[in-house]
Amino acid sequence: MKITHLILLTLTTSCALQAKETTTEKAETTKNEIVDTAKKTGRQMKDEVCEVTNGKMVCFKRKMVNKAKNLGDKIGTKTTETINKVD
């Protein structure tokens, strides 16, 4: 529940702020999004391999942990983006 509130707060704050981002900050945001996507894809591939070799029930906990990590990465990227917009 707290994570949902944090996400909503971050998204509404980022929409409300209208400061200009520098080219460096935009590049950093793009890089962070690419890294997040790569991590997410890698985790999904590991989950699929785990399911094929061990079965769905064995890998369920690992899959949930990876989803939490993906969410944490996304929150971190959005927070950095918001901070860059404020600066």
N, C-alpha and C. Protein backbone atom coordinates (compact mmCIF):
# COMPACT_ATOMS: atom_id res chain seq x y z
N MET A 1 0.83 -1.19 0.00
CA MET A 1 0.00 0.00 0.00
C MET A 1 0.87 1.25 0.00
N LYS A 2 1.94 1.24 0.79
CA LYS A 2 2.83 2.40 0.86
C LYS A 2 3.52 2.63 -0.49
N ILE A 3 3.87 1.53 -1.17
CA ILE A 3 4.53 1.66 -2.47
C ILE A 3 3.59 2.31 -3.46
N THR A 4 2.32 1.95 -3.43
CA THR A 4 1.34 2.54 -4.33
C THR A 4 1.21 4.03 -4.09
N HIS A 5 1.17 4.42 -2.84
CA HIS A 5 1.10 5.85 -2.50
C HIS A 5 2.35 6.59 -2.98
N LEU A 6 3.51 5.96 -2.82
CA LEU A 6 4.75 6.57 -3.26
C LEU A 6 4.77 6.76 -4.77
N ILE A 7 4.28 5.76 -5.49
CA ILE A 7 4.22 5.86 -6.95
C ILE A 7 3.29 6.98 -7.37
N LEU A 8 2.11 7.02 -6.77
CA LEU A 8 1.16 8.08 -7.12
C LEU A 8 1.71 9.45 -6.79
N LEU A 9 2.37 9.58 -5.66
CA LEU A 9 2.96 10.85 -5.27
C LEU A 9 4.05 11.27 -6.26
N THR A 10 4.87 10.32 -6.65
CA THR A 10 5.94 10.61 -7.61
C THR A 10 5.37 11.03 -8.95
N LEU A 11 4.36 10.32 -9.42
CA LEU A 11 3.78 10.64 -10.71
C LEU A 11 3.08 11.99 -10.71
N THR A 12 2.33 12.28 -9.65
CA THR A 12 1.64 13.56 -9.60
C THR A 12 2.62 14.71 -9.43
N THR A 13 3.67 14.48 -8.67
CA THR A 13 4.69 15.51 -8.50
C THR A 13 5.41 15.77 -9.81
N SER A 14 5.73 14.72 -10.53
CA SER A 14 6.46 14.90 -11.79
C SER A 14 5.58 15.60 -12.82
N CYS A 15 4.29 15.41 -12.78
CA CYS A 15 3.39 16.09 -13.70
C CYS A 15 3.21 17.56 -13.33
N ALA A 16 3.25 17.85 -12.04
CA ALA A 16 3.00 19.21 -11.58
C ALA A 16 4.20 20.13 -11.81
N LEU A 17 5.38 19.57 -11.83
CA LEU A 17 6.59 20.38 -11.98
C LEU A 17 6.85 20.66 -13.46
N GLN A 18 7.16 21.90 -13.77
CA GLN A 18 7.37 22.28 -15.15
C GLN A 18 8.76 22.83 -15.41
N ALA A 19 9.72 22.51 -14.57
CA ALA A 19 11.08 23.00 -14.75
C ALA A 19 11.72 22.30 -15.95
N LYS A 20 12.69 22.95 -16.55
CA LYS A 20 13.38 22.40 -17.72
C LYS A 20 14.47 21.42 -17.29
N GLU A 21 14.58 20.34 -18.05
CA GLU A 21 15.65 19.39 -17.84
C GLU A 21 16.79 19.72 -18.80
N THR A 22 18.01 19.55 -18.34
CA THR A 22 19.14 19.75 -19.23
C THR A 22 19.31 18.51 -20.10
N THR A 23 20.13 18.64 -21.12
CA THR A 23 20.38 17.51 -22.01
C THR A 23 21.03 16.36 -21.25
N THR A 24 21.92 16.68 -20.33
CA THR A 24 22.58 15.65 -19.53
C THR A 24 21.57 14.90 -18.67
N GLU A 25 20.64 15.63 -18.07
CA GLU A 25 19.62 15.00 -17.23
C GLU A 25 18.70 14.12 -18.07
N LYS A 26 18.34 14.58 -19.27
CA LYS A 26 17.50 13.77 -20.16
C LYS A 26 18.23 12.50 -20.57
N ALA A 27 19.53 12.62 -20.85
CA ALA A 27 20.33 11.45 -21.21
C ALA A 27 20.40 10.47 -20.05
N GLU A 28 20.55 11.00 -18.84
CA GLU A 28 20.61 10.14 -17.65
C GLU A 28 19.28 9.40 -17.46
N THR A 29 18.17 10.10 -17.66
CA THR A 29 16.86 9.48 -17.54
C THR A 29 16.69 8.37 -18.57
N THR A 30 17.08 8.65 -19.81
CA THR A 30 16.98 7.65 -20.87
C THR A 30 17.85 6.44 -20.55
N LYS A 31 19.07 6.69 -20.07
CA LYS A 31 19.96 5.60 -19.70
C LYS A 31 19.36 4.75 -18.59
N ASN A 32 18.79 5.41 -17.58
CA ASN A 32 18.17 4.68 -16.46
C ASN A 32 17.01 3.82 -16.94
N GLU A 33 16.20 4.35 -17.85
CA GLU A 33 15.07 3.58 -18.38
C GLU A 33 15.55 2.37 -19.17
N ILE A 34 16.63 2.54 -19.95
CA ILE A 34 17.18 1.42 -20.72
C ILE A 34 17.73 0.35 -19.78
N VAL A 35 18.43 0.77 -18.74
CA VAL A 35 18.98 -0.18 -17.76
C VAL A 35 17.84 -0.93 -17.06
N ASP A 36 16.79 -0.20 -16.68
CA ASP A 36 15.64 -0.84 -16.03
C ASP A 36 15.01 -1.89 -16.94
N THR A 37 14.85 -1.54 -18.21
CA THR A 37 14.27 -2.48 -19.17
C THR A 37 15.15 -3.71 -19.34
N ALA A 38 16.45 -3.51 -19.40
CA ALA A 38 17.38 -4.64 -19.54
C ALA A 38 17.31 -5.55 -18.31
N LYS A 39 17.29 -4.95 -17.12
CA LYS A 39 17.19 -5.74 -15.89
C LYS A 39 15.88 -6.52 -15.86
N LYS A 40 14.79 -5.85 -16.22
CA LYS A 40 13.48 -6.49 -16.22
C LYS A 40 13.45 -7.67 -17.18
N THR A 41 14.00 -7.47 -18.38
CA THR A 41 14.03 -8.55 -19.36
C THR A 41 14.88 -9.71 -18.87
N GLY A 42 16.03 -9.41 -18.28
CA GLY A 42 16.89 -10.47 -17.74
C GLY A 42 16.20 -11.27 -16.65
N ARG A 43 15.49 -10.56 -15.78
CA ARG A 43 14.77 -11.25 -14.70
C ARG A 43 13.64 -12.11 -15.26
N GLN A 44 12.95 -11.60 -16.27
CA GLN A 44 11.86 -12.39 -16.88
C GLN A 44 12.41 -13.65 -17.53
N MET A 45 13.55 -13.53 -18.19
CA MET A 45 14.16 -14.71 -18.82
C MET A 45 14.56 -15.73 -17.77
N LYS A 46 15.14 -15.28 -16.67
CA LYS A 46 15.51 -16.20 -15.59
C LYS A 46 14.28 -16.89 -15.01
N ASP A 47 13.18 -16.13 -14.88
CA ASP A 47 11.93 -16.71 -14.38
C ASP A 47 11.40 -17.78 -15.32
N GLU A 48 11.46 -17.52 -16.61
CA GLU A 48 10.97 -18.49 -17.59
C GLU A 48 11.81 -19.77 -17.56
N VAL A 49 13.13 -19.61 -17.48
CA VAL A 49 14.01 -20.78 -17.41
C VAL A 49 13.73 -21.57 -16.14
N CYS A 50 13.52 -20.86 -15.04
CA CYS A 50 13.23 -21.53 -13.77
C CYS A 50 11.93 -22.33 -13.87
N GLU A 51 10.91 -21.72 -14.49
CA GLU A 51 9.63 -22.42 -14.62
C GLU A 51 9.75 -23.67 -15.48
N VAL A 52 10.54 -23.59 -16.54
CA VAL A 52 10.70 -24.73 -17.43
C VAL A 52 11.46 -25.86 -16.73
N THR A 53 12.47 -25.50 -15.97
CA THR A 53 13.29 -26.54 -15.34
C THR A 53 12.73 -27.03 -14.00
N ASN A 54 12.11 -26.15 -13.22
CA ASN A 54 11.69 -26.52 -11.86
C ASN A 54 10.18 -26.56 -11.66
N GLY A 55 9.41 -25.95 -12.54
CA GLY A 55 7.96 -25.88 -12.36
C GLY A 55 7.53 -24.54 -11.80
N LYS A 56 6.26 -24.21 -12.02
CA LYS A 56 5.75 -22.90 -11.64
C LYS A 56 5.73 -22.67 -10.13
N MET A 57 5.34 -23.64 -9.38
CA MET A 57 5.18 -23.44 -7.93
C MET A 57 6.52 -23.24 -7.24
N VAL A 58 7.56 -23.87 -7.73
CA VAL A 58 8.88 -23.73 -7.12
C VAL A 58 9.41 -22.32 -7.34
N CYS A 59 9.11 -21.73 -8.49
CA CYS A 59 9.68 -20.44 -8.87
C CYS A 59 8.78 -19.25 -8.53
N PHE A 60 7.65 -19.50 -7.90
CA PHE A 60 6.69 -18.42 -7.63
C PHE A 60 7.29 -17.33 -6.73
N LYS A 61 7.97 -17.74 -5.65
CA LYS A 61 8.56 -16.76 -4.72
C LYS A 61 9.61 -15.92 -5.43
N ARG A 62 10.45 -16.56 -6.21
CA ARG A 62 11.49 -15.84 -6.95
C ARG A 62 10.88 -14.85 -7.93
N LYS A 63 9.78 -15.24 -8.56
CA LYS A 63 9.10 -14.37 -9.50
C LYS A 63 8.55 -13.13 -8.80
N MET A 64 8.00 -13.29 -7.62
CA MET A 64 7.46 -12.16 -6.86
C MET A 64 8.59 -11.22 -6.40
N VAL A 65 9.72 -11.79 -6.01
CA VAL A 65 10.86 -10.98 -5.61
C VAL A 65 11.35 -10.16 -6.80
N ASN A 66 11.39 -10.78 -7.97
CA ASN A 66 11.83 -10.07 -9.17
C ASN A 66 10.85 -8.96 -9.55
N LYS A 67 9.57 -9.19 -9.36
CA LYS A 67 8.59 -8.13 -9.63
C LYS A 67 8.78 -6.95 -8.69
N ALA A 68 9.10 -7.24 -7.44
CA ALA A 68 9.35 -6.18 -6.46
C ALA A 68 10.62 -5.40 -6.84
N LYS A 69 11.64 -6.10 -7.31
CA LYS A 69 12.86 -5.43 -7.76
C LYS A 69 12.58 -4.53 -8.96
N ASN A 70 11.76 -5.03 -9.91
CA ASN A 70 11.40 -4.23 -11.08
C ASN A 70 10.68 -2.95 -10.65
N LEU A 71 9.77 -3.07 -9.70
CA LEU A 71 9.05 -1.91 -9.20
C LEU A 71 10.00 -0.93 -8.51
N GLY A 72 10.92 -1.46 -7.73
CA GLY A 72 11.91 -0.61 -7.06
C GLY A 72 12.77 0.14 -8.06
N ASP A 73 13.18 -0.53 -9.13
CA ASP A 73 13.97 0.13 -10.17
C ASP A 73 13.18 1.25 -10.83
N LYS A 74 11.91 0.97 -11.09
CA LYS A 74 11.06 1.96 -11.76
C LYS A 74 10.86 3.19 -10.85
N ILE A 75 10.65 2.95 -9.58
CA ILE A 75 10.48 4.06 -8.63
C ILE A 75 11.76 4.88 -8.55
N GLY A 76 12.90 4.21 -8.50
CA GLY A 76 14.17 4.91 -8.45
C GLY A 76 14.39 5.79 -9.68
N THR A 77 14.04 5.26 -10.85
CA THR A 77 14.19 6.03 -12.08
C THR A 77 13.27 7.24 -12.09
N LYS A 78 12.03 7.05 -11.70
CA LYS A 78 11.08 8.17 -11.67
C LYS A 78 11.49 9.22 -10.63
N THR A 79 12.03 8.77 -9.51
CA THR A 79 12.49 9.71 -8.48
C THR A 79 13.65 10.55 -9.02
N THR A 80 14.60 9.90 -9.67
CA THR A 80 15.73 10.61 -10.27
C THR A 80 15.25 11.60 -11.31
N GLU A 81 14.31 11.18 -12.12
CA GLU A 81 13.75 12.06 -13.15
C GLU A 81 13.07 13.28 -12.52
N THR A 82 12.32 13.07 -11.46
CA THR A 82 11.64 14.17 -10.77
C THR A 82 12.65 15.13 -10.16
N ILE A 83 13.70 14.58 -9.54
CA ILE A 83 14.75 15.42 -8.95
C ILE A 83 15.42 16.26 -10.03
N ASN A 84 15.68 15.66 -11.18
CA ASN A 84 16.31 16.40 -12.28
C ASN A 84 15.41 17.51 -12.80
N LYS A 85 14.11 17.29 -12.79
CA LYS A 85 13.20 18.32 -13.26
C LYS A 85 13.14 19.49 -12.28
N VAL A 86 13.27 19.19 -10.99
CA VAL A 86 13.21 20.23 -9.97
C VAL A 86 14.47 21.09 -10.01
N ASP A 87 15.61 20.45 -10.22
CA ASP A 87 16.87 21.19 -10.24
C ASP A 87 16.88 22.17 -11.31
